[in-house]
Amino acid sequence: MNKKSQMAIVIGIIAVILVIVFSSNMFYTVKPGERAIIFRKFTTGLDKEHIFKPGFHAIAPWNDFIKYTVREQSREETLDVLDKNGLTLNVDVFVRYNPIYERLGYLHENIGPNYVNVVVIPEVRSAVRRIMGKFAAEEIYSTKRAEVEKEIYDETELVLQNKDIDMQTLLIRSIKLPDQLKQAIETKLKQEQEALAYKFRLERENSEAERKRIEAEGIAKYNDILNRSLTDKILKQKGIDATVELSKSQNAKVVVIGSGKDGLPLILNNN
């Protein structure tokens, strides 16, 4: 074996040793639900444009390979807020979010991996306190809860979008009021429901009374028209027609004697 071959073998062995030693800093696997960025210490610095997708990747051992979870994540926060009248409410808020993975380089540069505690939670808390401070406790608890929730969501979403974070959902899970205030609100709501029910019954009864009045007027008009149209001659003719029909019945035995009042025949049943 000549010296060149020996040198090649030595270099190969050294290369293998170096690969083994630095393999943990050279070979990376990006799993589904993850993305990664690279920081090149000695050349271009943080690469904000190239996002590493799921798969196997090899880099120079002196560069930093930074992975982020891009799946939707969630947090639940409980905080005390003041309504516009200074009453304290205990609110439970649920938020679901994820980083915008095309913007991971910018997120890493401006905020870093701890973006949830640095941006998401503080912004949610701030928006909840600011928006709820514009409403009375009674409104938040009953009639305007959906409006309050939407306003908090819209404001927080805009802020987080500008921070390269996508907020999927924001929900007010629960609102706890002082017992005395809660009881007063529930009593008021119950009274309002009873008043609405009474109003509905009253309107229904008035509608029924109106229907009967219209029906009675119709019957009265019908009778008036009928009375004016029935002359003596028409009534006599009706009586004659009825008598003729009755005389045709095989189940009736009748005897016609002279005439009755108004010149109509008298019909006597032989029974």
C-alpha atoms as a PDB file:
ATOM      1  CA  MET A   1       0.000   0.000   0.000  1.00  0.00           C
ATOM      2  CA  ASN A   2       1.582   3.298  -1.068  1.00  0.00           C
ATOM      3  CA  LYS A   3       1.539   6.528   0.884  1.00  0.00           C
ATOM      4  CA  LYS A   4      -1.307   8.034  -1.170  1.00  0.00           C
ATOM      5  CA  SER A   5      -3.571   5.129  -0.368  1.00  0.00           C
ATOM      6  CA  GLN A   6      -2.658   5.303   3.293  1.00  0.00           C
ATOM      7  CA  MET A   7      -3.370   9.055   3.316  1.00  0.00           C
ATOM      8  CA  ALA A   8      -6.746   8.505   1.631  1.00  0.00           C
ATOM      9  CA  ILE A   9      -7.658   5.902   4.220  1.00  0.00           C
ATOM     10  CA  VAL A  10      -6.625   8.206   7.072  1.00  0.00           C
ATOM     11  CA  ILE A  11      -8.640  11.083   5.622  1.00  0.00           C
ATOM     12  CA  GLY A  12     -11.653   8.786   5.176  1.00  0.00           C
ATOM     13  CA  ILE A  13     -11.398   7.603   8.776  1.00  0.00           C
ATOM     14  CA  ILE A  14     -11.110  11.169  10.025  1.00  0.00           C
ATOM     15  CA  ALA A  15     -14.118  12.163   7.901  1.00  0.00           C
ATOM     16  CA  VAL A  16     -16.188   9.308   9.311  1.00  0.00           C
ATOM     17  CA  ILE A  17     -15.164  10.260  12.865  1.00  0.00           C
ATOM     18  CA  LEU A  18     -16.106  13.870  12.212  1.00  0.00           C
ATOM     19  CA  VAL A  19     -19.471  12.850  10.769  1.00  0.00           C
ATOM     20  CA  ILE A  20     -20.149  10.678  13.797  1.00  0.00           C
ATOM     21  CA  VAL A  21     -19.093  13.414  16.210  1.00  0.00           C
ATOM     22  CA  PHE A  22     -21.028  16.180  14.484  1.00  0.00           C
ATOM     23  CA  SER A  23     -23.977  14.141  13.188  1.00  0.00           C
ATOM     24  CA  SER A  24     -26.318  15.580  15.798  1.00  0.00           C
ATOM     25  CA  ASN A  25     -25.501  19.038  14.427  1.00  0.00           C
ATOM     26  CA  MET A  26     -25.619  18.059  10.767  1.00  0.00           C
ATOM     27  CA  PHE A  27     -28.650  15.849  10.227  1.00  0.00           C
ATOM     28  CA  TYR A  28     -32.166  16.856  11.188  1.00  0.00           C
ATOM     29  CA  THR A  29     -35.634  15.473  10.665  1.00  0.00           C
ATOM     30  CA  VAL A  30     -38.531  17.890  10.413  1.00  0.00           C
ATOM     31  CA  LYS A  31     -41.687  16.051  11.478  1.00  0.00           C
ATOM     32  CA  PRO A  32     -45.251  16.635  10.196  1.00  0.00           C
ATOM     33  CA  GLY A  33     -46.666  19.700  11.928  1.00  0.00           C
ATOM     34  CA  GLU A  34     -43.218  21.322  12.102  1.00  0.00           C
ATOM     35  CA  ARG A  35     -41.233  23.786  10.025  1.00  0.00           C
ATOM     36  CA  ALA A  36     -37.629  24.943  10.435  1.00  0.00           C
ATOM     37  CA  ILE A  37     -35.335  27.850   9.611  1.00  0.00           C
ATOM     38  CA  ILE A  38     -31.553  28.099   9.511  1.00  0.00           C
ATOM     39  CA  PHE A  39     -29.097  30.569  11.012  1.00  0.00           C
ATOM     40  CA  ARG A  40     -25.741  30.663   9.220  1.00  0.00           C
ATOM     41  CA  LYS A  41     -23.289  32.047  11.761  1.00  0.00           C
ATOM     42  CA  PHE A  42     -20.379  32.766   9.476  1.00  0.00           C
ATOM     43  CA  THR A  43     -22.094  33.813   6.261  1.00  0.00           C
ATOM     44  CA  THR A  44     -25.602  35.203   5.649  1.00  0.00           C
ATOM     45  CA  GLY A  45     -27.049  35.017   9.155  1.00  0.00           C
ATOM     46  CA  LEU A  46     -30.750  34.229   9.629  1.00  0.00           C
ATOM     47  CA  ASP A  47     -32.403  32.962   6.465  1.00  0.00           C
ATOM     48  CA  LYS A  48     -35.936  34.374   6.680  1.00  0.00           C
ATOM     49  CA  GLU A  49     -37.060  33.301   3.240  1.00  0.00           C
ATOM     50  CA  HIS A  50     -36.215  29.593   3.110  1.00  0.00           C
ATOM     51  CA  ILE A  51     -38.535  27.451   5.237  1.00  0.00           C
ATOM     52  CA  PHE A  52     -37.592  23.792   5.735  1.00  0.00           C
ATOM     53  CA  LYS A  53     -40.567  21.488   5.260  1.00  0.00           C
ATOM     54  CA  PRO A  54     -41.112  18.035   6.812  1.00  0.00           C
ATOM     55  CA  GLY A  55     -38.401  15.569   5.836  1.00  0.00           C
ATOM     56  CA  PHE A  56     -34.691  14.811   6.297  1.00  0.00           C
ATOM     57  CA  HIS A  57     -32.200  17.694   6.034  1.00  0.00           C
ATOM     58  CA  ALA A  58     -28.408  17.994   6.227  1.00  0.00           C
ATOM     59  CA  ILE A  59     -26.663  21.243   7.111  1.00  0.00           C
ATOM     60  CA  ALA A  60     -23.182  22.407   8.015  1.00  0.00           C
ATOM     61  CA  PRO A  61     -22.465  21.567  11.660  1.00  0.00           C
ATOM     62  CA  TRP A  62     -21.646  25.166  12.576  1.00  0.00           C
ATOM     63  CA  ASN A  63     -25.092  26.456  11.481  1.00  0.00           C
ATOM     64  CA  ASP A  64     -28.136  26.535  13.744  1.00  0.00           C
ATOM     65  CA  PHE A  65     -31.241  24.604  12.686  1.00  0.00           C
ATOM     66  CA  ILE A  66     -34.318  26.025  14.476  1.00  0.00           C
ATOM     67  CA  LYS A  67     -37.591  24.080  14.483  1.00  0.00           C
ATOM     68  CA  TYR A  68     -41.069  25.426  15.244  1.00  0.00           C
ATOM     69  CA  THR A  69     -44.372  23.661  15.805  1.00  0.00           C
ATOM     70  CA  VAL A  70     -46.903  25.055  13.341  1.00  0.00           C
ATOM     71  CA  ARG A  71     -49.888  22.979  14.446  1.00  0.00           C
ATOM     72  CA  GLU A  72     -52.786  24.780  16.052  1.00  0.00           C
ATOM     73  CA  GLN A  73     -52.164  25.290  19.735  1.00  0.00           C
ATOM     74  CA  SER A  74     -54.490  26.472  22.464  1.00  0.00           C
ATOM     75  CA  ARG A  75     -54.383  28.213  25.810  1.00  0.00           C
ATOM     76  CA  GLU A  76     -57.003  28.985  28.404  1.00  0.00           C
ATOM     77  CA  GLU A  77     -56.642  32.080  30.534  1.00  0.00           C
ATOM     78  CA  THR A  78     -58.575  33.177  33.598  1.00  0.00           C
ATOM     79  CA  LEU A  79     -58.421  36.834  34.518  1.00  0.00           C
ATOM     80  CA  ASP A  80     -60.232  39.523  36.471  1.00  0.00           C
ATOM     81  CA  VAL A  81     -61.577  42.487  34.522  1.00  0.00           C
ATOM     82  CA  LEU A  82     -63.547  45.607  35.378  1.00  0.00           C
ATOM     83  CA  ASP A  83     -66.734  46.563  33.587  1.00  0.00           C
ATOM     84  CA  LYS A  84     -67.541  50.178  32.728  1.00  0.00           C
ATOM     85  CA  ASN A  85     -69.081  50.676  36.183  1.00  0.00           C
ATOM     86  CA  GLY A  86     -66.010  49.370  37.996  1.00  0.00           C
ATOM     87  CA  LEU A  87     -67.472  45.973  38.935  1.00  0.00           C
ATOM     88  CA  THR A  88     -65.066  43.026  38.965  1.00  0.00           C
ATOM     89  CA  LEU A  89     -65.766  40.096  36.657  1.00  0.00           C
ATOM     90  CA  ASN A  90     -63.875  36.816  36.549  1.00  0.00           C
ATOM     91  CA  VAL A  91     -63.544  35.716  32.922  1.00  0.00           C
ATOM     92  CA  ASP A  92     -62.345  32.444  31.427  1.00  0.00           C
ATOM     93  CA  VAL A  93     -61.040  32.909  27.856  1.00  0.00           C
ATOM     94  CA  PHE A  94     -60.014  30.190  25.385  1.00  0.00           C
ATOM     95  CA  VAL A  95     -57.749  31.029  22.435  1.00  0.00           C
ATOM     96  CA  ARG A  96     -56.466  28.833  19.587  1.00  0.00           C
ATOM     97  CA  TYR A  97     -53.577  29.977  17.366  1.00  0.00           C
ATOM     98  CA  ASN A  98     -50.582  28.944  15.290  1.00  0.00           C
ATOM     99  CA  PRO A  99     -47.550  30.716  13.822  1.00  0.00           C
ATOM    100  CA  ILE A 100     -47.734  31.677  10.170  1.00  0.00           C
ATOM    101  CA  TYR A 101     -45.091  29.264   8.937  1.00  0.00           C
ATOM    102  CA  GLU A 102     -44.194  31.251   5.804  1.00  0.00           C
ATOM    103  CA  ARG A 103     -43.170  34.018   8.206  1.00  0.00           C
ATOM    104  CA  LEU A 104     -41.252  31.922  10.735  1.00  0.00           C
ATOM    105  CA  GLY A 105     -37.982  33.735  10.015  1.00  0.00           C
ATOM    106  CA  TYR A 106     -39.551  37.092  10.838  1.00  0.00           C
ATOM    107  CA  LEU A 107     -41.300  35.690  13.906  1.00  0.00           C
ATOM    108  CA  HIS A 108     -37.992  34.275  15.145  1.00  0.00           C
ATOM    109  CA  GLU A 109     -36.150  37.520  14.483  1.00  0.00           C
ATOM    110  CA  ASN A 110     -38.716  39.812  16.116  1.00  0.00           C
ATOM    111  CA  ILE A 111     -40.104  37.704  18.944  1.00  0.00           C
ATOM    112  CA  GLY A 112     -38.559  34.235  19.198  1.00  0.00           C
ATOM    113  CA  PRO A 113     -39.727  30.771  20.228  1.00  0.00           C
ATOM    114  CA  ASN A 114     -41.439  32.070  23.352  1.00  0.00           C
ATOM    115  CA  TYR A 115     -43.924  34.059  21.261  1.00  0.00           C
ATOM    116  CA  VAL A 116     -46.933  32.619  23.140  1.00  0.00           C
ATOM    117  CA  ASN A 117     -45.971  34.187  26.473  1.00  0.00           C
ATOM    118  CA  VAL A 118     -44.379  37.249  24.896  1.00  0.00           C
ATOM    119  CA  VAL A 119     -47.201  38.207  22.498  1.00  0.00           C
ATOM    120  CA  VAL A 120     -50.275  35.938  22.354  1.00  0.00           C
ATOM    121  CA  ILE A 121     -51.308  35.849  26.001  1.00  0.00           C
ATOM    122  CA  PRO A 122     -50.485  39.529  26.780  1.00  0.00           C
ATOM    123  CA  GLU A 123     -52.420  40.717  23.718  1.00  0.00           C
ATOM    124  CA  VAL A 124     -55.422  38.544  24.562  1.00  0.00           C
ATOM    125  CA  ARG A 125     -55.449  39.788  28.154  1.00  0.00           C
ATOM    126  CA  SER A 126     -55.116  43.391  27.040  1.00  0.00           C
ATOM    127  CA  ALA A 127     -57.953  43.133  24.508  1.00  0.00           C
ATOM    128  CA  VAL A 128     -60.274  41.378  26.977  1.00  0.00           C
ATOM    129  CA  ARG A 129     -59.748  44.056  29.620  1.00  0.00           C
ATOM    130  CA  ARG A 130     -60.058  46.932  27.170  1.00  0.00           C
ATOM    131  CA  ILE A 131     -63.188  45.699  25.376  1.00  0.00           C
ATOM    132  CA  MET A 132     -65.045  44.486  28.455  1.00  0.00           C
ATOM    133  CA  GLY A 133     -64.319  47.809  30.116  1.00  0.00           C
ATOM    134  CA  LYS A 134     -66.645  49.409  27.564  1.00  0.00           C
ATOM    135  CA  PHE A 135     -69.703  47.388  28.642  1.00  0.00           C
ATOM    136  CA  ALA A 136     -71.771  46.941  31.773  1.00  0.00           C
ATOM    137  CA  ALA A 137     -71.620  43.586  33.569  1.00  0.00           C
ATOM    138  CA  GLU A 138     -75.285  42.950  32.778  1.00  0.00           C
ATOM    139  CA  GLU A 139     -74.655  43.403  29.038  1.00  0.00           C
ATOM    140  CA  ILE A 140     -71.607  41.138  29.036  1.00  0.00           C
ATOM    141  CA  TYR A 141     -73.428  38.455  31.017  1.00  0.00           C
ATOM    142  CA  SER A 142     -76.619  38.444  28.981  1.00  0.00           C
ATOM    143  CA  THR A 143     -77.513  40.474  25.898  1.00  0.00           C
ATOM    144  CA  LYS A 144     -74.152  41.494  24.386  1.00  0.00           C
ATOM    145  CA  ARG A 145     -71.892  38.558  25.142  1.00  0.00           C
ATOM    146  CA  ALA A 146     -71.538  37.568  21.455  1.00  0.00           C
ATOM    147  CA  GLU A 147     -70.835  41.180  20.484  1.00  0.00           C
ATOM    148  CA  VAL A 148     -68.149  41.486  23.161  1.00  0.00           C
ATOM    149  CA  GLU A 149     -66.567  38.193  22.105  1.00  0.00           C
ATOM    150  CA  LYS A 150     -66.448  39.198  18.427  1.00  0.00           C
ATOM    151  CA  GLU A 151     -64.947  42.596  19.205  1.00  0.00           C
ATOM    152  CA  ILE A 152     -62.206  41.001  21.311  1.00  0.00           C
ATOM    153  CA  TYR A 153     -61.503  38.475  18.548  1.00  0.00           C
ATOM    154  CA  ASP A 154     -61.322  41.109  15.788  1.00  0.00           C
ATOM    155  CA  GLU A 155     -58.951  43.334  17.736  1.00  0.00           C
ATOM    156  CA  THR A 156     -56.660  40.513  18.861  1.00  0.00           C
ATOM    157  CA  GLU A 157     -56.570  38.876  15.429  1.00  0.00           C
ATOM    158  CA  LEU A 158     -55.395  42.103  13.799  1.00  0.00           C
ATOM    159  CA  VAL A 159     -52.591  42.586  16.329  1.00  0.00           C
ATOM    160  CA  LEU A 160     -51.376  38.984  16.100  1.00  0.00           C
ATOM    161  CA  GLN A 161     -51.471  38.979  12.290  1.00  0.00           C
ATOM    162  CA  ASN A 162     -49.039  41.884  12.373  1.00  0.00           C
ATOM    163  CA  LYS A 163     -46.824  39.761  14.648  1.00  0.00           C
ATOM    164  CA  ASP A 164     -46.830  36.797  12.186  1.00  0.00           C
ATOM    165  CA  ILE A 165     -49.262  34.754  14.290  1.00  0.00           C
ATOM    166  CA  ASP A 166     -52.597  33.467  13.046  1.00  0.00           C
ATOM    167  CA  MET A 167     -55.372  33.365  15.645  1.00  0.00           C
ATOM    168  CA  GLN A 168     -58.022  30.767  14.797  1.00  0.00           C
ATOM    169  CA  THR A 169     -60.508  31.094  17.647  1.00  0.00           C
ATOM    170  CA  LEU A 170     -61.212  33.191  20.708  1.00  0.00           C
ATOM    171  CA  LEU A 171     -64.061  32.190  23.001  1.00  0.00           C
ATOM    172  CA  ILE A 172     -65.376  33.479  26.315  1.00  0.00           C
ATOM    173  CA  ARG A 173     -65.846  30.205  28.166  1.00  0.00           C
ATOM    174  CA  SER A 174     -67.419  31.608  31.311  1.00  0.00           C
ATOM    175  CA  ILE A 175     -68.153  34.840  33.133  1.00  0.00           C
ATOM    176  CA  LYS A 176     -68.394  34.843  36.915  1.00  0.00           C
ATOM    177  CA  LEU A 177     -70.151  37.747  38.614  1.00  0.00           C
ATOM    178  CA  PRO A 178     -70.507  38.622  42.283  1.00  0.00           C
ATOM    179  CA  ASP A 179     -73.357  36.484  43.645  1.00  0.00           C
ATOM    180  CA  GLN A 180     -75.565  39.454  44.506  1.00  0.00           C
ATOM    181  CA  LEU A 181     -75.173  40.998  41.046  1.00  0.00           C
ATOM    182  CA  LYS A 182     -75.713  37.660  39.312  1.00  0.00           C
ATOM    183  CA  GLN A 183     -78.938  37.096  41.248  1.00  0.00           C
ATOM    184  CA  ALA A 184     -80.185  40.594  40.435  1.00  0.00           C
ATOM    185  CA  ILE A 185     -79.465  40.126  36.710  1.00  0.00           C
ATOM    186  CA  GLU A 186     -81.127  36.709  36.616  1.00  0.00           C
ATOM    187  CA  THR A 187     -84.190  38.091  38.413  1.00  0.00           C
ATOM    188  CA  LYS A 188     -84.426  40.927  35.919  1.00  0.00           C
ATOM    189  CA  LEU A 189     -84.058  38.547  32.974  1.00  0.00           C
ATOM    190  CA  LYS A 190     -86.784  36.314  34.429  1.00  0.00           C
ATOM    191  CA  GLN A 191     -89.120  39.274  34.801  1.00  0.00           C
ATOM    192  CA  GLU A 192     -88.396  40.358  31.230  1.00  0.00           C
ATOM    193  CA  GLN A 193     -89.189  36.855  29.967  1.00  0.00           C
ATOM    194  CA  GLU A 194     -92.435  36.806  31.924  1.00  0.00           C
ATOM    195  CA  ALA A 195     -93.363  40.219  30.539  1.00  0.00           C
ATOM    196  CA  LEU A 196     -92.672  39.015  27.001  1.00  0.00           C
ATOM    197  CA  ALA A 197     -94.768  35.894  27.610  1.00  0.00           C
ATOM    198  CA  TYR A 198     -97.649  38.007  28.959  1.00  0.00           C
ATOM    199  CA  LYS A 199     -97.381  40.347  25.979  1.00  0.00           C
ATOM    200  CA  PHE A 200     -97.512  37.362  23.643  1.00  0.00           C
ATOM    201  CA  ARG A 201    -100.619  35.958  25.359  1.00  0.00           C
ATOM    202  CA  LEU A 202    -102.294  39.383  25.288  1.00  0.00           C
ATOM    203  CA  GLU A 203    -101.552  39.820  21.596  1.00  0.00           C
ATOM    204  CA  ARG A 204    -102.850  36.326  20.884  1.00  0.00           C
ATOM    205  CA  GLU A 205    -106.085  36.993  22.808  1.00  0.00           C
ATOM    206  CA  ASN A 206    -106.551  40.345  21.073  1.00  0.00           C
ATOM    207  CA  SER A 207    -105.987  38.638  17.734  1.00  0.00           C
ATOM    208  CA  GLU A 208    -108.593  35.976  18.582  1.00  0.00           C
ATOM    209  CA  ALA A 209    -111.084  38.634  19.712  1.00  0.00           C
ATOM    210  CA  GLU A 210    -110.527  40.535  16.474  1.00  0.00           C
ATOM    211  CA  ARG A 211    -111.055  37.345  14.479  1.00  0.00           C
ATOM    212  CA  LYS A 212    -114.362  36.681  16.267  1.00  0.00           C
ATOM    213  CA  ARG A 213    -115.494  40.287  15.756  1.00  0.00           C
ATOM    214  CA  ILE A 214    -114.777  40.066  12.036  1.00  0.00           C
ATOM    215  CA  GLU A 215    -116.564  36.697  11.866  1.00  0.00           C
ATOM    216  CA  ALA A 216    -119.605  38.095  13.714  1.00  0.00           C
ATOM    217  CA  GLU A 217    -119.738  41.107  11.429  1.00  0.00           C
ATOM    218  CA  GLY A 218    -119.616  38.793   8.430  1.00  0.00           C
ATOM    219  CA  ILE A 219    -122.470  36.645   9.763  1.00  0.00           C
ATOM    220  CA  ALA A 220    -124.518  39.746  10.570  1.00  0.00           C
ATOM    221  CA  LYS A 221    -124.002  41.142   7.086  1.00  0.00           C
ATOM    222  CA  TYR A 222    -124.919  37.794   5.572  1.00  0.00           C
ATOM    223  CA  ASN A 223    -128.144  37.601   7.590  1.00  0.00           C
ATOM    224  CA  ASP A 224    -129.039  41.183   6.729  1.00  0.00           C
ATOM    225  CA  ILE A 225    -128.555  40.524   3.024  1.00  0.00           C
ATOM    226  CA  LEU A 226    -130.515  37.273   3.298  1.00  0.00           C
ATOM    227  CA  ASN A 227    -133.417  38.911   5.164  1.00  0.00           C
ATOM    228  CA  ARG A 228    -133.702  41.648   2.612  1.00  0.00           C
ATOM    229  CA  SER A 229    -133.637  39.197  -0.283  1.00  0.00           C
ATOM    230  CA  LEU A 230    -136.262  36.743   1.082  1.00  0.00           C
ATOM    231  CA  THR A 231    -139.686  38.090  -0.057  1.00  0.00           C
ATOM    232  CA  ASP A 232    -143.044  36.429   0.776  1.00  0.00           C
ATOM    233  CA  LYS A 233    -143.246  34.957  -2.707  1.00  0.00           C
ATOM    234  CA  ILE A 234    -139.792  33.412  -2.439  1.00  0.00           C
ATOM    235  CA  LEU A 235    -140.622  31.923   0.994  1.00  0.00           C
ATOM    236  CA  LYS A 236    -143.877  30.432  -0.392  1.00  0.00           C
ATOM    237  CA  GLN A 237    -142.015  28.928  -3.294  1.00  0.00           C
ATOM    238  CA  LYS A 238    -139.408  27.452  -0.956  1.00  0.00           C
ATOM    239  CA  GLY A 239    -142.234  25.902   1.110  1.00  0.00           C
ATOM    240  CA  ILE A 240    -143.873  24.392  -1.952  1.00  0.00           C
ATOM    241  CA  ASP A 241    -140.568  22.948  -3.141  1.00  0.00           C
ATOM    242  CA  ALA A 242    -139.943  21.395   0.262  1.00  0.00           C
ATOM    243  CA  THR A 243    -143.468  19.911   0.334  1.00  0.00           C
ATOM    244  CA  VAL A 244    -143.053  18.379  -3.076  1.00  0.00           C
ATOM    245  CA  GLU A 245    -139.766  16.800  -2.070  1.00  0.00           C
ATOM    246  CA  LEU A 246    -141.294  15.439   1.118  1.00  0.00           C
ATOM    247  CA  SER A 247    -144.231  13.956  -0.766  1.00  0.00           C
ATOM    248  CA  LYS A 248    -141.799  11.995  -2.909  1.00  0.00           C
ATOM    249  CA  SER A 249    -140.306  10.266   0.115  1.00  0.00           C
ATOM    250  CA  GLN A 250    -141.313   6.610   0.376  1.00  0.00           C
ATOM    251  CA  ASN A 251    -140.832   6.623   4.151  1.00  0.00           C
ATOM    252  CA  ALA A 252    -143.394   9.323   4.820  1.00  0.00           C
ATOM    253  CA  LYS A 253    -147.204   8.949   4.786  1.00  0.00           C
ATOM    254  CA  VAL A 254    -148.791  12.359   4.442  1.00  0.00           C
ATOM    255  CA  VAL A 255    -152.278  13.771   3.944  1.00  0.00           C
ATOM    256  CA  VAL A 256    -152.689  17.239   2.442  1.00  0.00           C
ATOM    257  CA  ILE A 257    -155.740  19.062   3.744  1.00  0.00           C
ATOM    258  CA  GLY A 258    -156.673  22.473   2.482  1.00  0.00           C
ATOM    259  CA  SER A 259    -153.970  25.070   3.083  1.00  0.00           C
ATOM    260  CA  GLY A 260    -152.128  26.462   6.051  1.00  0.00           C
ATOM    261  CA  LYS A 261    -150.946  29.924   6.938  1.00  0.00           C
ATOM    262  CA  ASP A 262    -149.620  31.954   4.000  1.00  0.00           C
ATOM    263  CA  GLY A 263    -151.355  29.551   1.601  1.00  0.00           C
ATOM    264  CA  LEU A 264    -148.934  26.659   2.128  1.00  0.00           C
ATOM    265  CA  PRO A 265    -150.298  23.056   2.225  1.00  0.00           C
ATOM    266  CA  LEU A 266    -150.708  21.364   5.635  1.00  0.00           C
ATOM    267  CA  ILE A 267    -148.759  18.133   5.968  1.00  0.00           C
ATOM    268  CA  LEU A 268    -150.057  15.621   8.506  1.00  0.00           C
ATOM    269  CA  ASN A 269    -148.191  12.496   9.409  1.00  0.00           C
ATOM    270  CA  ASN A 270    -150.568   9.539   9.698  1.00  0.00           C
ATOM    271  CA  ASN A 271    -148.637   8.400  12.791  1.00  0.00           C
END
